[in-house]
């Protein structure tokens, strides 16, 4: 099953009652870490693609962007300028870069995150408005966030809303990234091998993409931990899921057997 956590729990409960296996790929609130050792242009390109592709309606969207303070001003300036320049419109038009949201109620929910919240340290610096045209279109939105308790930082939005926060130490970035009930994907932009290996070992996510937005290969397992689900998709993983292991032992020689009741 691929979908929301509420339905996923209902399916898991029903499956458990019948002792049935289930494979659940649920929601996400993926962290996107930009190191001070990142290729900044690549990080901007990849971070934009990770949140605004499909209008952010992706379970693995990189919606929590953590930027090292040393490069934060440069990254945010470029990211905001590019977000404002995204062409929003009819997906059938060749020059459209971002289309509409799925349906009216979803659009209203996504918009509820966009006003900013000074009390929670959230400032909207780009977008945040509906487009004056038929359909459920909204502007690509960027929120600067100071608190990990902010609603936009903790809840899955499933829309074109990026939240940006700064960090000083890589250990701090890892801790903030892991401070989520979700664990589907994580992204890292760096040219330091040590940060790559630390992220691979410590990030609590089913997929970790280094210097790349999400891409898939059917040979790769894909799935999450925590509230992002159980099980993995992918050829090998699904073959195992839909199969039952069986043990068959055929003795090739006479096997010593204790003779119960044999008198010896």
Protein backbone atom coordinates (compact mmCIF):
# COMPACT_ATOMS: atom_id res chain seq x y z
CA UNK A 1 0.00 0.00 0.00
CA UNK A 2 1.15 3.53 -0.79
CA UNK A 3 -0.73 6.35 0.88
CA UNK A 4 -1.40 8.12 4.17
CA UNK A 5 -0.63 7.03 7.69
CA UNK A 6 -4.26 6.75 8.83
CA UNK A 7 -5.16 4.32 6.06
CA UNK A 8 -1.83 2.53 6.52
CA UNK A 9 -2.54 1.84 10.19
CA UNK A 10 -6.02 0.56 9.36
CA UNK A 11 -4.57 -1.81 6.77
CA UNK A 12 -1.87 -2.98 9.19
CA UNK A 13 -4.47 -3.65 11.89
CA UNK A 14 -6.68 -5.62 9.50
CA UNK A 15 -3.69 -7.55 8.19
CA UNK A 16 -2.52 -8.32 11.71
CA UNK A 17 -5.89 -9.78 12.65
CA UNK A 18 -5.45 -12.33 9.86
CA UNK A 19 -1.68 -12.75 10.33
CA UNK A 20 -1.13 -11.35 6.84
CA UNK A 21 2.04 -9.59 5.77
CA UNK A 22 1.73 -5.99 4.61
CA UNK A 23 4.08 -3.60 2.85
CA UNK A 24 3.31 0.05 3.64
CA UNK A 25 4.93 3.09 2.01
CA UNK A 26 3.42 6.05 3.84
CA UNK A 27 4.20 9.73 4.36
CA UNK A 28 7.40 11.67 4.73
CA UNK A 29 8.94 14.92 5.92
CA UNK A 30 12.37 14.56 4.41
CA UNK A 31 15.38 16.59 5.49
CA UNK A 32 17.64 18.17 2.87
CA UNK A 33 21.04 19.09 4.35
CA UNK A 34 23.24 21.65 2.57
CA UNK A 35 26.79 21.56 3.92
CA UNK A 36 29.29 24.40 3.80
CA UNK A 37 31.28 22.00 1.60
CA UNK A 38 28.50 21.69 -0.97
CA UNK A 39 28.60 22.68 -4.62
CA UNK A 40 26.16 25.53 -4.05
CA UNK A 41 24.75 25.67 -7.57
CA UNK A 42 24.09 21.93 -7.58
CA UNK A 43 22.57 22.18 -4.10
CA UNK A 44 20.19 24.94 -5.21
CA UNK A 45 19.20 23.02 -8.35
CA UNK A 46 18.65 19.78 -6.45
CA UNK A 47 16.83 21.37 -3.54
CA UNK A 48 14.41 23.15 -5.88
CA UNK A 49 13.75 19.91 -7.76
CA UNK A 50 13.26 18.00 -4.51
CA UNK A 51 10.41 20.21 -3.30
CA UNK A 52 8.75 21.73 -6.39
CA UNK A 53 8.61 18.73 -8.75
CA UNK A 54 4.97 17.63 -9.07
CA UNK A 55 4.02 20.71 -7.01
CA UNK A 56 5.60 19.08 -3.97
CA UNK A 57 3.03 16.29 -4.02
CA UNK A 58 5.61 13.56 -3.38
CA UNK A 59 6.04 11.51 -0.23
CA UNK A 60 9.83 11.91 -0.49
CA UNK A 61 9.81 15.70 -1.06
CA UNK A 62 12.80 17.42 0.54
CA UNK A 63 10.66 19.91 2.43
CA UNK A 64 12.94 20.52 5.47
CA UNK A 65 16.03 22.30 4.18
CA UNK A 66 18.92 22.58 6.65
CA UNK A 67 21.64 25.00 5.49
CA UNK A 68 25.01 25.58 7.13
CA UNK A 69 25.21 29.14 8.44
CA UNK A 70 28.39 29.83 6.48
CA UNK A 71 26.55 29.45 3.17
CA UNK A 72 23.01 30.24 4.29
CA UNK A 73 22.77 33.78 2.91
CA UNK A 74 24.08 32.79 -0.52
CA UNK A 75 21.92 29.66 -0.69
CA UNK A 76 18.72 31.35 0.46
CA UNK A 77 19.19 34.30 -1.90
CA UNK A 78 19.58 32.00 -4.90
CA UNK A 79 16.87 29.56 -3.80
CA UNK A 80 14.28 32.30 -3.23
CA UNK A 81 15.06 34.03 -6.54
CA UNK A 82 14.71 30.77 -8.44
CA UNK A 83 11.51 29.79 -6.60
CA UNK A 84 9.93 33.12 -7.55
CA UNK A 85 10.88 32.52 -11.19
CA UNK A 86 9.24 29.08 -11.48
CA UNK A 87 6.63 29.05 -14.24
CA UNK A 88 3.33 27.82 -12.82
CA UNK A 89 0.58 26.81 -15.22
CA UNK A 90 -1.14 24.17 -17.28
CA UNK A 91 0.92 20.95 -17.20
CA UNK A 92 0.15 20.45 -20.89
CA UNK A 93 2.09 23.61 -21.77
CA UNK A 94 5.72 22.86 -22.64
CA UNK A 95 7.12 25.82 -20.68
CA UNK A 96 5.24 24.97 -17.47
CA UNK A 97 7.52 23.99 -14.59
CA UNK A 98 4.91 23.48 -11.87
CA UNK A 99 1.26 22.51 -12.18
CA UNK A 100 -1.75 22.59 -9.84
CA UNK A 101 -2.52 20.82 -6.61
CA UNK A 102 -4.70 17.75 -6.74
CA UNK A 103 -8.09 18.96 -5.47
CA UNK A 104 -9.74 21.91 -3.67
CA UNK A 105 -9.59 20.70 -0.06
CA UNK A 106 -5.94 19.76 -0.44
CA UNK A 107 -5.14 23.18 -1.88
CA UNK A 108 -6.80 24.89 1.09
CA UNK A 109 -4.84 22.74 3.53
CA UNK A 110 -1.52 23.51 1.85
CA UNK A 111 -2.34 27.21 1.80
CA UNK A 112 -2.92 27.10 5.57
CA UNK A 113 0.84 26.61 6.05
CA UNK A 114 1.83 29.63 3.97
CA UNK A 115 0.90 32.69 6.01
CA UNK A 116 3.93 32.48 8.26
CA UNK A 117 3.83 32.58 12.05
CA UNK A 118 5.95 35.18 13.79
CA UNK A 119 5.24 33.60 17.18
CA UNK A 120 6.73 30.32 15.97
CA UNK A 121 9.60 32.06 14.19
CA UNK A 122 8.25 31.42 10.68
CA UNK A 123 8.60 34.05 7.95
CA UNK A 124 7.23 33.67 4.42
CA UNK A 125 9.82 35.11 2.01
CA UNK A 126 8.43 33.85 -1.30
CA UNK A 127 5.04 32.80 -2.60
CA UNK A 128 2.28 31.97 -0.18
CA UNK A 129 -0.59 32.98 -2.45
CA UNK A 130 -3.15 31.35 -4.73
CA UNK A 131 -2.92 32.24 -8.40
CA UNK A 132 -5.81 34.19 -9.89
CA UNK A 133 -6.76 31.63 -12.50
CA UNK A 134 -9.11 28.64 -12.76
CA UNK A 135 -7.80 25.57 -10.99
CA UNK A 136 -5.92 24.82 -7.81
CA UNK A 137 -2.71 26.70 -8.51
CA UNK A 138 -0.48 28.34 -5.93
CA UNK A 139 2.90 30.03 -5.90
CA UNK A 140 6.04 28.11 -4.95
CA UNK A 141 6.49 29.05 -1.31
CA UNK A 142 9.57 29.49 0.89
CA UNK A 143 9.37 29.75 4.68
CA UNK A 144 12.31 30.71 6.89
CA UNK A 145 11.96 28.76 10.11
CA UNK A 146 13.67 29.22 13.47
CA UNK A 147 11.91 26.55 15.54
CA UNK A 148 11.68 22.82 14.99
CA UNK A 149 8.30 22.99 16.74
CA UNK A 150 6.77 25.04 13.92
CA UNK A 151 3.84 23.31 12.24
CA UNK A 152 5.39 23.76 8.78
CA UNK A 153 8.53 21.97 10.00
CA UNK A 154 6.83 19.00 11.66
CA UNK A 155 3.79 18.17 9.51
CA UNK A 156 3.79 16.66 6.04
CA UNK A 157 2.43 19.41 3.78
CA UNK A 158 2.42 17.55 0.45
CA UNK A 159 2.66 20.76 -1.54
CA UNK A 160 5.15 23.31 -2.93
CA UNK A 161 6.23 24.69 0.44
CA UNK A 162 9.90 24.63 1.47
CA UNK A 163 10.93 25.35 5.06
CA UNK A 164 14.53 26.50 5.57
CA UNK A 165 16.52 26.44 8.81
CA UNK A 166 20.22 27.01 9.49
CA UNK A 167 22.70 24.92 11.49
CA UNK A 168 26.30 25.30 12.70
CA UNK A 169 27.64 21.76 13.28
CA UNK A 170 27.03 18.67 11.16
CA UNK A 171 26.10 16.66 14.26
CA UNK A 172 23.40 19.26 14.90
CA UNK A 173 22.06 18.89 11.36
CA UNK A 174 21.86 15.10 11.75
CA UNK A 175 20.00 15.46 15.06
CA UNK A 176 17.49 17.93 13.61
CA UNK A 177 16.97 15.76 10.55
CA UNK A 178 16.24 12.73 12.75
CA UNK A 179 13.87 14.70 14.99
CA UNK A 180 10.79 13.70 13.02
CA UNK A 181 8.20 10.97 13.26
CA UNK A 182 8.88 10.24 9.59
CA UNK A 183 11.84 8.44 8.05
CA UNK A 184 11.31 7.96 4.32
CA UNK A 185 14.17 9.86 2.64
CA UNK A 186 16.98 12.31 3.33
CA UNK A 187 19.23 14.40 1.10
CA UNK A 188 22.77 15.66 1.60
CA UNK A 189 24.82 18.11 -0.44
CA UNK A 190 28.52 18.00 0.39
CA UNK A 191 31.97 17.31 -1.02
CA UNK A 192 33.28 15.93 2.29
CA UNK A 193 33.50 12.14 2.31
CA UNK A 194 33.37 12.12 6.11
CA UNK A 195 29.98 13.82 6.08
CA UNK A 196 28.72 11.29 3.55
CA UNK A 197 29.73 8.34 5.71
CA UNK A 198 28.39 9.95 8.88
CA UNK A 199 25.05 10.65 7.20
CA UNK A 200 24.85 7.10 5.87
CA UNK A 201 25.43 5.70 9.36
CA UNK A 202 23.33 8.11 11.41
CA UNK A 203 20.42 9.44 9.34
CA UNK A 204 17.21 7.56 10.18
CA UNK A 205 15.72 7.27 6.71
CA UNK A 206 15.05 4.50 4.24
CA UNK A 207 16.78 6.29 1.33
CA UNK A 208 19.68 8.75 1.53
CA UNK A 209 20.57 10.67 -1.61
CA UNK A 210 23.97 12.39 -1.69
CA UNK A 211 24.48 15.25 -4.16
CA UNK A 212 21.33 14.26 -6.04
CA UNK A 213 17.58 14.66 -5.82
CA UNK A 214 15.55 11.45 -5.63
CA UNK A 215 15.89 8.97 -8.46
CA UNK A 216 14.80 5.37 -8.64
CA UNK A 217 15.94 2.08 -10.04
CA UNK A 218 13.80 -1.04 -9.71
CA UNK A 219 16.84 -2.87 -8.36
CA UNK A 220 17.03 -0.46 -5.40
CA UNK A 221 14.93 -1.09 -2.28
CA UNK A 222 12.65 1.84 -1.45
CA UNK A 223 10.65 2.39 1.71
CA UNK A 224 10.67 4.07 5.08
CA UNK A 225 10.98 3.64 8.81
CA UNK A 226 9.06 5.10 11.74
CA UNK A 227 5.73 6.58 10.55
CA UNK A 228 6.87 6.34 6.93
CA UNK A 229 5.96 2.66 6.84
CA UNK A 230 7.31 -0.86 6.88
CA UNK A 231 8.77 -3.03 4.13
CA UNK A 232 10.54 -2.17 0.91
CA UNK A 233 9.61 -1.88 -2.75
CA UNK A 234 12.00 -2.96 -5.49
CA UNK A 235 12.50 -6.18 -7.43
CA UNK A 236 14.47 -8.16 -4.85
CA UNK A 237 12.51 -6.81 -1.88
CA UNK A 238 9.12 -7.49 -3.42
CA UNK A 239 10.16 -10.94 -4.60
CA UNK A 240 11.00 -11.76 -1.00
CA UNK A 241 7.77 -10.17 0.24
CA UNK A 242 5.56 -12.22 -2.07
CA UNK A 243 7.48 -15.45 -1.45
CA UNK A 244 7.58 -17.87 1.45
CA UNK A 245 10.91 -19.40 2.45
CA UNK A 246 10.86 -23.15 2.87
CA UNK A 247 13.46 -25.49 4.34
CA UNK A 248 13.86 -28.96 2.78
CA UNK A 249 16.57 -31.28 4.16
CA UNK A 250 17.42 -34.54 2.32
CA UNK A 251 19.99 -36.74 4.03
CA UNK A 252 22.72 -37.78 1.60
CA UNK A 253 24.05 -40.48 3.93
CA UNK A 254 22.80 -42.48 6.86
CA UNK A 255 22.15 -40.09 9.71
CA UNK A 256 22.74 -41.23 13.30
CA UNK A 257 19.33 -41.37 14.94
CA UNK A 258 18.70 -42.08 18.59
CA UNK A 259 16.66 -45.29 18.82
CA UNK A 260 13.88 -44.62 21.30
CA UNK A 261 12.56 -47.84 22.78
CA UNK A 262 15.27 -49.85 21.05
CA UNK A 263 16.72 -51.22 24.27
CA UNK A 264 20.22 -49.94 23.63
